[in-house]
Amino acid sequence: MKAFERESAAFRRLLPGLLQSSEGWFVAILREEVIDKDPDQFELAKRIDRQFKNEFVLIRQVTEDEPEVILLESPEHLVP
């Protein structure tokens, strides 16, 4: 299973509890666990980038609404 699929499934599984404790906040999920959260998605993303540079970490807002998903490949992975 790809990291995105694994972490997305974990988010859906954790969502009921997250809605009670962190609704509206952004959470970072790695290895199927919430590793950090913040009301500011950019501050969270900066911390995650510093700590987990070479790992896929899912960042999602805790809401019942399904987000539009956009996957972007890193330029290092593009083939000319």
Foldseek 3Di string as FASTA:
>chain_A
DDQVVLQVVLCVVCLVVCCVPPAQWKFKDDPSDTPDIGNDPVVVVVVCCVVPVPDDIDIDHRDPDDDDDDDDDDPVPDDD
